[in-house]
Amino acid sequence: MRSFYHFMMSYRGKKTPDDQSKLADWMFQDHNFPKHATSYDEVSNYLELYSPFMNAITVFDDLWDVYQQVEKD
C-alpha cells in the first residue's frame, strides 16, 4: 500500500488551486509531514497540530475516503 502522502501528490500543482491541491502542496513543502504514513490516526493527529488552513481536516477526511477506495482496488 502506498502512503497517503504519495497518493496526495497527484493533487499537486493545479493552475487554479482548490482546497485539495492546497493541502497537497502544503504536504509537499512541509518537511516534517509523516510522508510514509498509511494510518489515518497518524496523519489526522499531525494535521490537528499543524493544520495549514481552516478546513484542512475536512478536506483530509474526504480525501482519506478516496485514498481507501483507490488502495483497496
N, C-alpha and C. Protein backbone atom coordinates (compact mmCIF):
# COMPACT_ATOMS: atom_id res chain seq x y z
N MET A 1 0.84 -1.18 0.00
CA MET A 1 0.00 0.00 0.00
C MET A 1 0.89 1.24 0.00
N ARG A 2 0.61 2.15 -0.90
CA ARG A 2 1.40 3.39 -0.92
C ARG A 2 0.92 4.31 0.19
N SER A 3 1.75 5.23 0.55
CA SER A 3 1.43 6.14 1.64
C SER A 3 0.38 7.15 1.20
N PHE A 4 -0.26 7.76 2.19
CA PHE A 4 -1.24 8.81 1.90
C PHE A 4 -0.54 9.98 1.21
N TYR A 5 0.64 10.30 1.65
CA TYR A 5 1.43 11.37 1.02
C TYR A 5 1.62 11.09 -0.47
N HIS A 6 2.02 9.89 -0.79
CA HIS A 6 2.23 9.52 -2.20
C HIS A 6 0.93 9.68 -2.99
N PHE A 7 -0.17 9.23 -2.43
CA PHE A 7 -1.49 9.40 -3.06
C PHE A 7 -1.79 10.87 -3.30
N MET A 8 -1.50 11.71 -2.32
CA MET A 8 -1.82 13.13 -2.42
C MET A 8 -1.02 13.88 -3.46
N MET A 9 0.13 13.37 -3.82
CA MET A 9 0.96 14.08 -4.79
C MET A 9 0.29 14.21 -6.16
N SER A 10 -0.71 13.40 -6.44
CA SER A 10 -1.45 13.53 -7.71
C SER A 10 -2.35 14.77 -7.70
N TYR A 11 -2.55 15.39 -6.56
CA TYR A 11 -3.38 16.59 -6.44
C TYR A 11 -2.57 17.89 -6.50
N ARG A 12 -1.27 17.80 -6.58
CA ARG A 12 -0.40 18.97 -6.54
C ARG A 12 -0.41 19.77 -7.84
N GLY A 13 -0.09 21.05 -7.70
CA GLY A 13 0.27 21.89 -8.83
C GLY A 13 -0.84 22.32 -9.76
N LYS A 14 -2.04 22.48 -9.27
CA LYS A 14 -3.13 22.95 -10.13
C LYS A 14 -2.94 24.43 -10.46
N LYS A 15 -3.26 24.80 -11.69
CA LYS A 15 -3.13 26.20 -12.09
C LYS A 15 -4.09 27.08 -11.28
N THR A 16 -5.27 26.55 -11.05
CA THR A 16 -6.23 27.23 -10.19
C THR A 16 -6.39 26.37 -8.94
N PRO A 17 -5.68 26.70 -7.88
CA PRO A 17 -5.68 25.86 -6.68
C PRO A 17 -7.06 25.73 -6.06
N ASP A 18 -7.37 24.51 -5.60
CA ASP A 18 -8.54 24.27 -4.78
C ASP A 18 -8.04 23.74 -3.44
N ASP A 19 -8.95 23.43 -2.53
CA ASP A 19 -8.51 23.00 -1.21
C ASP A 19 -7.71 21.71 -1.26
N GLN A 20 -8.05 20.81 -2.17
CA GLN A 20 -7.30 19.56 -2.29
C GLN A 20 -5.87 19.82 -2.72
N SER A 21 -5.70 20.66 -3.72
CA SER A 21 -4.34 20.94 -4.19
C SER A 21 -3.56 21.78 -3.17
N LYS A 22 -4.24 22.66 -2.45
CA LYS A 22 -3.56 23.43 -1.40
C LYS A 22 -3.01 22.50 -0.32
N LEU A 23 -3.82 21.50 0.07
CA LEU A 23 -3.36 20.55 1.07
C LEU A 23 -2.18 19.74 0.54
N ALA A 24 -2.27 19.28 -0.69
CA ALA A 24 -1.18 18.51 -1.29
C ALA A 24 0.10 19.33 -1.40
N ASP A 25 -0.03 20.58 -1.84
CA ASP A 25 1.15 21.44 -1.96
C ASP A 25 1.78 21.70 -0.58
N TRP A 26 0.94 21.92 0.42
CA TRP A 26 1.45 22.13 1.78
C TRP A 26 2.18 20.89 2.28
N MET A 27 1.58 19.71 2.05
CA MET A 27 2.22 18.46 2.48
C MET A 27 3.59 18.32 1.83
N PHE A 28 3.70 18.66 0.56
CA PHE A 28 4.96 18.56 -0.16
C PHE A 28 6.01 19.49 0.44
N GLN A 29 5.59 20.68 0.84
CA GLN A 29 6.53 21.67 1.35
C GLN A 29 6.87 21.49 2.83
N ASP A 30 6.04 20.74 3.56
CA ASP A 30 6.27 20.52 4.99
C ASP A 30 7.21 19.34 5.17
N HIS A 31 8.45 19.63 5.51
CA HIS A 31 9.47 18.58 5.63
C HIS A 31 9.23 17.63 6.79
N ASN A 32 8.38 18.00 7.73
CA ASN A 32 8.09 17.14 8.87
C ASN A 32 6.83 16.30 8.70
N PHE A 33 6.12 16.49 7.61
CA PHE A 33 4.89 15.71 7.40
C PHE A 33 5.26 14.22 7.36
N PRO A 34 4.43 13.37 8.00
CA PRO A 34 4.73 11.92 8.02
C PRO A 34 4.51 11.28 6.63
N LYS A 35 5.51 11.39 5.79
CA LYS A 35 5.40 11.00 4.39
C LYS A 35 5.22 9.50 4.15
N HIS A 36 5.54 8.68 5.11
CA HIS A 36 5.40 7.23 4.92
C HIS A 36 4.15 6.68 5.61
N ALA A 37 3.33 7.55 6.16
CA ALA A 37 2.16 7.11 6.93
C ALA A 37 1.08 6.50 6.05
N THR A 38 0.55 5.40 6.54
CA THR A 38 -0.62 4.77 5.91
C THR A 38 -1.76 4.67 6.92
N SER A 39 -1.57 5.26 8.09
CA SER A 39 -2.53 5.21 9.17
C SER A 39 -3.32 6.52 9.25
N TYR A 40 -4.63 6.40 9.29
CA TYR A 40 -5.50 7.58 9.43
C TYR A 40 -5.10 8.38 10.66
N ASP A 41 -4.93 7.70 11.79
CA ASP A 41 -4.63 8.39 13.04
C ASP A 41 -3.33 9.19 12.97
N GLU A 42 -2.32 8.63 12.37
CA GLU A 42 -1.03 9.33 12.29
C GLU A 42 -1.15 10.62 11.49
N VAL A 43 -1.80 10.55 10.34
CA VAL A 43 -1.96 11.75 9.50
C VAL A 43 -2.92 12.73 10.16
N SER A 44 -4.02 12.24 10.67
CA SER A 44 -5.01 13.10 11.31
C SER A 44 -4.44 13.85 12.51
N ASN A 45 -3.70 13.14 13.34
CA ASN A 45 -3.08 13.78 14.51
C ASN A 45 -2.11 14.87 14.10
N TYR A 46 -1.34 14.62 13.05
CA TYR A 46 -0.39 15.62 12.57
C TYR A 46 -1.14 16.87 12.08
N LEU A 47 -2.20 16.63 11.30
CA LEU A 47 -2.97 17.76 10.78
C LEU A 47 -3.68 18.54 11.88
N GLU A 48 -4.10 17.86 12.92
CA GLU A 48 -4.74 18.57 14.02
C GLU A 48 -3.76 19.52 14.70
N LEU A 49 -2.50 19.16 14.73
CA LEU A 49 -1.49 20.02 15.34
C LEU A 49 -1.00 21.13 14.41
N TYR A 50 -0.89 20.82 13.13
CA TYR A 50 -0.25 21.74 12.19
C TYR A 50 -1.12 22.08 10.99
N SER A 51 -2.42 22.11 11.16
CA SER A 51 -3.35 22.37 10.06
C SER A 51 -2.98 23.63 9.29
N PRO A 52 -2.82 23.52 7.97
CA PRO A 52 -2.37 24.67 7.19
C PRO A 52 -3.47 25.69 6.88
N PHE A 53 -4.75 25.30 6.96
CA PHE A 53 -5.85 26.22 6.74
C PHE A 53 -7.10 25.68 7.43
N MET A 54 -8.11 26.52 7.55
CA MET A 54 -9.22 26.23 8.42
C MET A 54 -9.92 24.89 8.16
N ASN A 55 -10.21 24.55 6.93
CA ASN A 55 -10.95 23.32 6.67
C ASN A 55 -10.06 22.17 6.18
N ALA A 56 -8.80 22.23 6.50
CA ALA A 56 -7.87 21.18 6.05
C ALA A 56 -8.25 19.80 6.58
N ILE A 57 -8.77 19.73 7.79
CA ILE A 57 -9.16 18.44 8.36
C ILE A 57 -10.33 17.85 7.59
N THR A 58 -11.28 18.68 7.21
CA THR A 58 -12.43 18.21 6.41
C THR A 58 -11.96 17.72 5.05
N VAL A 59 -11.08 18.47 4.43
CA VAL A 59 -10.53 18.07 3.12
C VAL A 59 -9.79 16.74 3.27
N PHE A 60 -9.00 16.62 4.32
CA PHE A 60 -8.28 15.38 4.57
C PHE A 60 -9.25 14.21 4.73
N ASP A 61 -10.30 14.38 5.53
CA ASP A 61 -11.26 13.30 5.74
C ASP A 61 -11.89 12.83 4.42
N ASP A 62 -12.25 13.79 3.57
CA ASP A 62 -12.83 13.43 2.27
C ASP A 62 -11.82 12.69 1.40
N LEU A 63 -10.59 13.18 1.38
CA LEU A 63 -9.56 12.55 0.56
C LEU A 63 -9.13 11.20 1.14
N TRP A 64 -9.21 11.04 2.44
CA TRP A 64 -8.88 9.75 3.04
C TRP A 64 -9.84 8.67 2.52
N ASP A 65 -11.12 9.02 2.38
CA ASP A 65 -12.09 8.06 1.84
C ASP A 65 -11.72 7.65 0.42
N VAL A 66 -11.31 8.62 -0.39
CA VAL A 66 -10.88 8.32 -1.76
C VAL A 66 -9.64 7.44 -1.74
N TYR A 67 -8.69 7.79 -0.89
CA TYR A 67 -7.45 7.01 -0.73
C TYR A 67 -7.76 5.56 -0.38
N GLN A 68 -8.68 5.36 0.55
CA GLN A 68 -9.04 3.99 0.96
C GLN A 68 -9.64 3.21 -0.22
N GLN A 69 -10.47 3.87 -1.00
CA GLN A 69 -11.07 3.19 -2.15
C GLN A 69 -10.03 2.85 -3.21
N VAL A 70 -9.18 3.79 -3.52
CA VAL A 70 -8.15 3.59 -4.54
C VAL A 70 -7.19 2.49 -4.14
N GLU A 71 -6.79 2.49 -2.88
CA GLU A 71 -5.82 1.49 -2.41
C GLU A 71 -6.44 0.11 -2.25
N LYS A 72 -7.75 0.07 -2.08
CA LYS A 72 -8.43 -1.20 -1.95
C LYS A 72 -8.53 -1.93 -3.29
N ASP A 73 -8.68 -1.15 -4.35
CA ASP A 73 -8.84 -1.73 -5.70
C ASP A 73 -7.58 -2.26 -6.30
